[in-house]
Amino acid sequence: MAESQAASTSPLQAVSNAMVKLHKEQFGRGPTSAHSNFAGPDTLVCVLLDALLPAERKMVELGDEGRVRETRIAFQAATATEFIEAIEDIVKRKVRAFGSAVDPDANVVFENFYFEPRYSGSDGDHDGTLTAERAS
């Protein structure tokens, strides 16, 4: 059954699922929803809704959004390898840069990946890489 679910999942849905799973594993709670899209040929953005931890939400209520941002930057630094490896495994492309951003007031986290450019002449069909054109 797991194989049939994996086979029917689009690559972008697999990215979103991986981000939710990593947030649950790394931070103890995952977002309530996530969606991923290419933003050009070499950039992938995953938007995670309702992603803040209960303590972070309380900090926002107390007006301490800056500390939530600082904490999330520290989380990113500590877990970057796990996030990058998950994306490279799904997309089959080398991540050149990874950045995480948070809007504490909106309770939204953005996971951003910038890939090494594909070699000239590659259309992504023969080398197994995921491109914006093949993502859906």
C-alpha atoms as a PDB file:
ATOM      1  CA  MET A   1       0.000   0.000   0.000  1.00  0.00           C
ATOM      2  CA  ALA A   2       2.822   2.418   0.766  1.00  0.00           C
ATOM      3  CA  GLU A   3       4.218   1.802  -2.719  1.00  0.00           C
ATOM      4  CA  SER A   4       0.932   2.717  -4.409  1.00  0.00           C
ATOM      5  CA  GLN A   5       0.680   5.903  -2.330  1.00  0.00           C
ATOM      6  CA  ALA A   6       4.256   6.869  -3.203  1.00  0.00           C
ATOM      7  CA  ALA A   7       3.683   6.145  -6.881  1.00  0.00           C
ATOM      8  CA  SER A   8       0.595   8.382  -6.976  1.00  0.00           C
ATOM      9  CA  THR A   9       2.286  11.301  -5.181  1.00  0.00           C
ATOM     10  CA  SER A  10       3.561  14.099  -7.409  1.00  0.00           C
ATOM     11  CA  PRO A  11       7.162  15.200  -6.866  1.00  0.00           C
ATOM     12  CA  LEU A  12       6.044  18.542  -5.453  1.00  0.00           C
ATOM     13  CA  GLN A  13       3.682  16.787  -3.058  1.00  0.00           C
ATOM     14  CA  ALA A  14       6.586  14.543  -2.026  1.00  0.00           C
ATOM     15  CA  VAL A  15       8.608  17.685  -1.247  1.00  0.00           C
ATOM     16  CA  SER A  16       5.764  19.093   0.870  1.00  0.00           C
ATOM     17  CA  ASN A  17       5.342  15.770   2.680  1.00  0.00           C
ATOM     18  CA  ALA A  18       9.074  15.603   3.391  1.00  0.00           C
ATOM     19  CA  MET A  19       9.072  19.126   4.841  1.00  0.00           C
ATOM     20  CA  VAL A  20       6.114  18.313   7.116  1.00  0.00           C
ATOM     21  CA  LYS A  21       7.804  15.090   8.244  1.00  0.00           C
ATOM     22  CA  LEU A  22      11.093  16.854   8.973  1.00  0.00           C
ATOM     23  CA  HIS A  23       9.372  19.572  10.963  1.00  0.00           C
ATOM     24  CA  LYS A  24       7.620  16.923  13.054  1.00  0.00           C
ATOM     25  CA  GLU A  25      10.853  14.983  13.604  1.00  0.00           C
ATOM     26  CA  GLN A  26      13.110  17.958  14.245  1.00  0.00           C
ATOM     27  CA  PHE A  27      10.808  20.339  16.104  1.00  0.00           C
ATOM     28  CA  GLY A  28       8.229  18.025  17.678  1.00  0.00           C
ATOM     29  CA  ARG A  29       5.303  19.461  15.733  1.00  0.00           C
ATOM     30  CA  GLY A  30       4.584  19.816  12.055  1.00  0.00           C
ATOM     31  CA  PRO A  31       2.581  22.386  10.128  1.00  0.00           C
ATOM     32  CA  THR A  32      -1.095  21.788   9.410  1.00  0.00           C
ATOM     33  CA  SER A  33      -0.555  22.194   5.665  1.00  0.00           C
ATOM     34  CA  ALA A  34       2.223  22.682   3.161  1.00  0.00           C
ATOM     35  CA  HIS A  35       2.612  23.322  -0.537  1.00  0.00           C
ATOM     36  CA  SER A  36       5.669  23.505  -2.764  1.00  0.00           C
ATOM     37  CA  ASN A  37       6.344  25.158  -6.107  1.00  0.00           C
ATOM     38  CA  PHE A  38       9.231  26.029  -8.349  1.00  0.00           C
ATOM     39  CA  ALA A  39       9.996  29.739  -8.544  1.00  0.00           C
ATOM     40  CA  GLY A  40      11.969  29.625 -11.764  1.00  0.00           C
ATOM     41  CA  PRO A  41      14.161  26.810 -13.089  1.00  0.00           C
ATOM     42  CA  ASP A  42      16.516  26.523 -10.105  1.00  0.00           C
ATOM     43  CA  THR A  43      14.509  27.654  -7.052  1.00  0.00           C
ATOM     44  CA  LEU A  44      12.066  25.621  -4.997  1.00  0.00           C
ATOM     45  CA  VAL A  45       9.883  27.154  -2.269  1.00  0.00           C
ATOM     46  CA  CYS A  46       7.876  25.219   0.296  1.00  0.00           C
ATOM     47  CA  VAL A  47       5.283  27.169   2.283  1.00  0.00           C
ATOM     48  CA  LEU A  48       4.321  25.669   5.656  1.00  0.00           C
ATOM     49  CA  LEU A  49       1.149  26.965   7.334  1.00  0.00           C
ATOM     50  CA  ASP A  50       0.482  26.883  11.080  1.00  0.00           C
ATOM     51  CA  ALA A  51       4.079  25.805  11.641  1.00  0.00           C
ATOM     52  CA  LEU A  52       5.000  27.583  14.864  1.00  0.00           C
ATOM     53  CA  LEU A  53       5.454  25.682  18.101  1.00  0.00           C
ATOM     54  CA  PRO A  54       3.091  26.526  20.975  1.00  0.00           C
ATOM     55  CA  ALA A  55       5.870  28.370  22.838  1.00  0.00           C
ATOM     56  CA  GLU A  56       6.639  30.378  19.682  1.00  0.00           C
ATOM     57  CA  ARG A  57       2.977  31.352  19.330  1.00  0.00           C
ATOM     58  CA  LYS A  58       3.007  32.521  22.938  1.00  0.00           C
ATOM     59  CA  MET A  59       6.134  34.595  22.259  1.00  0.00           C
ATOM     60  CA  VAL A  60       4.340  36.239  19.324  1.00  0.00           C
ATOM     61  CA  GLU A  61       1.372  37.030  21.598  1.00  0.00           C
ATOM     62  CA  LEU A  62       3.832  38.668  24.007  1.00  0.00           C
ATOM     63  CA  GLY A  63       5.311  40.772  21.201  1.00  0.00           C
ATOM     64  CA  ASP A  64       8.598  38.874  20.906  1.00  0.00           C
ATOM     65  CA  GLU A  65       8.520  38.074  17.171  1.00  0.00           C
ATOM     66  CA  GLY A  66      12.238  38.870  16.875  1.00  0.00           C
ATOM     67  CA  ARG A  67      13.173  36.055  19.216  1.00  0.00           C
ATOM     68  CA  VAL A  68      11.021  33.641  17.193  1.00  0.00           C
ATOM     69  CA  ARG A  69      12.935  34.675  14.057  1.00  0.00           C
ATOM     70  CA  GLU A  70      16.288  34.233  15.848  1.00  0.00           C
ATOM     71  CA  THR A  71      15.274  30.803  17.120  1.00  0.00           C
ATOM     72  CA  ARG A  72      14.167  29.678  13.681  1.00  0.00           C
ATOM     73  CA  ILE A  73      17.516  30.784  12.206  1.00  0.00           C
ATOM     74  CA  ALA A  74      19.236  28.614  14.822  1.00  0.00           C
ATOM     75  CA  PHE A  75      16.900  25.702  13.996  1.00  0.00           C
ATOM     76  CA  GLN A  76      17.793  26.047  10.316  1.00  0.00           C
ATOM     77  CA  ALA A  77      21.524  26.007  11.004  1.00  0.00           C
ATOM     78  CA  ALA A  78      21.204  22.936  13.212  1.00  0.00           C
ATOM     79  CA  THR A  79      19.064  20.937  10.770  1.00  0.00           C
ATOM     80  CA  ALA A  80      20.138  22.173   7.322  1.00  0.00           C
ATOM     81  CA  THR A  81      21.793  18.884   6.382  1.00  0.00           C
ATOM     82  CA  GLU A  82      18.590  16.896   6.933  1.00  0.00           C
ATOM     83  CA  PHE A  83      16.498  19.327   4.888  1.00  0.00           C
ATOM     84  CA  ILE A  84      19.007  19.489   2.024  1.00  0.00           C
ATOM     85  CA  GLU A  85      19.448  15.707   1.851  1.00  0.00           C
ATOM     86  CA  ALA A  86      15.680  15.143   1.735  1.00  0.00           C
ATOM     87  CA  ILE A  87      15.231  17.595  -1.133  1.00  0.00           C
ATOM     88  CA  GLU A  88      18.215  16.328  -3.117  1.00  0.00           C
ATOM     89  CA  ASP A  89      16.842  12.786  -2.814  1.00  0.00           C
ATOM     90  CA  ILE A  90      13.426  13.799  -4.178  1.00  0.00           C
ATOM     91  CA  VAL A  91      14.467  16.345  -6.810  1.00  0.00           C
ATOM     92  CA  LYS A  92      17.690  14.571  -7.863  1.00  0.00           C
ATOM     93  CA  ARG A  93      19.515  17.892  -8.041  1.00  0.00           C
ATOM     94  CA  LYS A  94      22.313  19.368  -5.942  1.00  0.00           C
ATOM     95  CA  VAL A  95      21.200  22.098  -3.538  1.00  0.00           C
ATOM     96  CA  ARG A  96      23.503  25.087  -3.822  1.00  0.00           C
ATOM     97  CA  ALA A  97      21.833  27.124  -1.060  1.00  0.00           C
ATOM     98  CA  PHE A  98      19.137  26.604   1.559  1.00  0.00           C
ATOM     99  CA  GLY A  99      17.363  29.256   3.559  1.00  0.00           C
ATOM    100  CA  SER A 100      14.474  29.179   5.953  1.00  0.00           C
ATOM    101  CA  ALA A 101      12.313  32.186   6.727  1.00  0.00           C
ATOM    102  CA  VAL A 102       9.433  32.777   9.100  1.00  0.00           C
ATOM    103  CA  ASP A 103       6.622  35.283   9.372  1.00  0.00           C
ATOM    104  CA  PRO A 104       5.729  34.881  13.055  1.00  0.00           C
ATOM    105  CA  ASP A 105       2.599  37.049  12.874  1.00  0.00           C
ATOM    106  CA  ALA A 106       1.182  34.980  10.009  1.00  0.00           C
ATOM    107  CA  ASN A 107       2.464  31.669  11.489  1.00  0.00           C
ATOM    108  CA  VAL A 108       4.067  30.740   8.167  1.00  0.00           C
ATOM    109  CA  VAL A 109       7.474  29.185   7.510  1.00  0.00           C
ATOM    110  CA  PHE A 110       9.177  29.210   4.108  1.00  0.00           C
ATOM    111  CA  GLU A 111      11.785  26.599   3.197  1.00  0.00           C
ATOM    112  CA  ASN A 112      13.753  27.796   0.152  1.00  0.00           C
ATOM    113  CA  PHE A 113      16.157  25.773  -1.977  1.00  0.00           C
ATOM    114  CA  TYR A 114      18.386  27.031  -4.771  1.00  0.00           C
ATOM    115  CA  PHE A 115      19.845  24.336  -7.025  1.00  0.00           C
ATOM    116  CA  GLU A 116      23.044  24.070  -8.985  1.00  0.00           C
ATOM    117  CA  PRO A 117      22.163  24.797 -12.611  1.00  0.00           C
ATOM    118  CA  ARG A 118      21.613  21.702 -14.722  1.00  0.00           C
ATOM    119  CA  TYR A 119      24.270  21.028 -17.321  1.00  0.00           C
ATOM    120  CA  SER A 120      23.735  22.535 -20.735  1.00  0.00           C
ATOM    121  CA  GLY A 121      21.450  20.557 -22.991  1.00  0.00           C
ATOM    122  CA  SER A 122      19.747  18.604 -20.221  1.00  0.00           C
ATOM    123  CA  ASP A 123      15.980  18.612 -20.298  1.00  0.00           C
ATOM    124  CA  GLY A 124      15.637  16.702 -17.043  1.00  0.00           C
ATOM    125  CA  ASP A 125      13.935  13.783 -18.775  1.00  0.00           C
ATOM    126  CA  HIS A 126      16.961  11.539 -19.163  1.00  0.00           C
ATOM    127  CA  ASP A 127      18.982  12.343 -16.071  1.00  0.00           C
ATOM    128  CA  GLY A 128      16.167  11.914 -13.514  1.00  0.00           C
ATOM    129  CA  THR A 129      16.214  15.499 -12.266  1.00  0.00           C
ATOM    130  CA  LEU A 130      13.076  17.375 -11.437  1.00  0.00           C
ATOM    131  CA  THR A 131      12.550  20.683 -13.189  1.00  0.00           C
ATOM    132  CA  ALA A 132       9.814  23.281 -12.970  1.00  0.00           C
ATOM    133  CA  GLU A 133       8.441  22.062 -16.287  1.00  0.00           C
ATOM    134  CA  ARG A 134       8.193  18.446 -15.080  1.00  0.00           C
ATOM    135  CA  ALA A 135       7.103  19.181 -11.512  1.00  0.00           C
ATOM    136  CA  SER A 136       3.383  18.719 -11.848  1.00  0.00           C
END
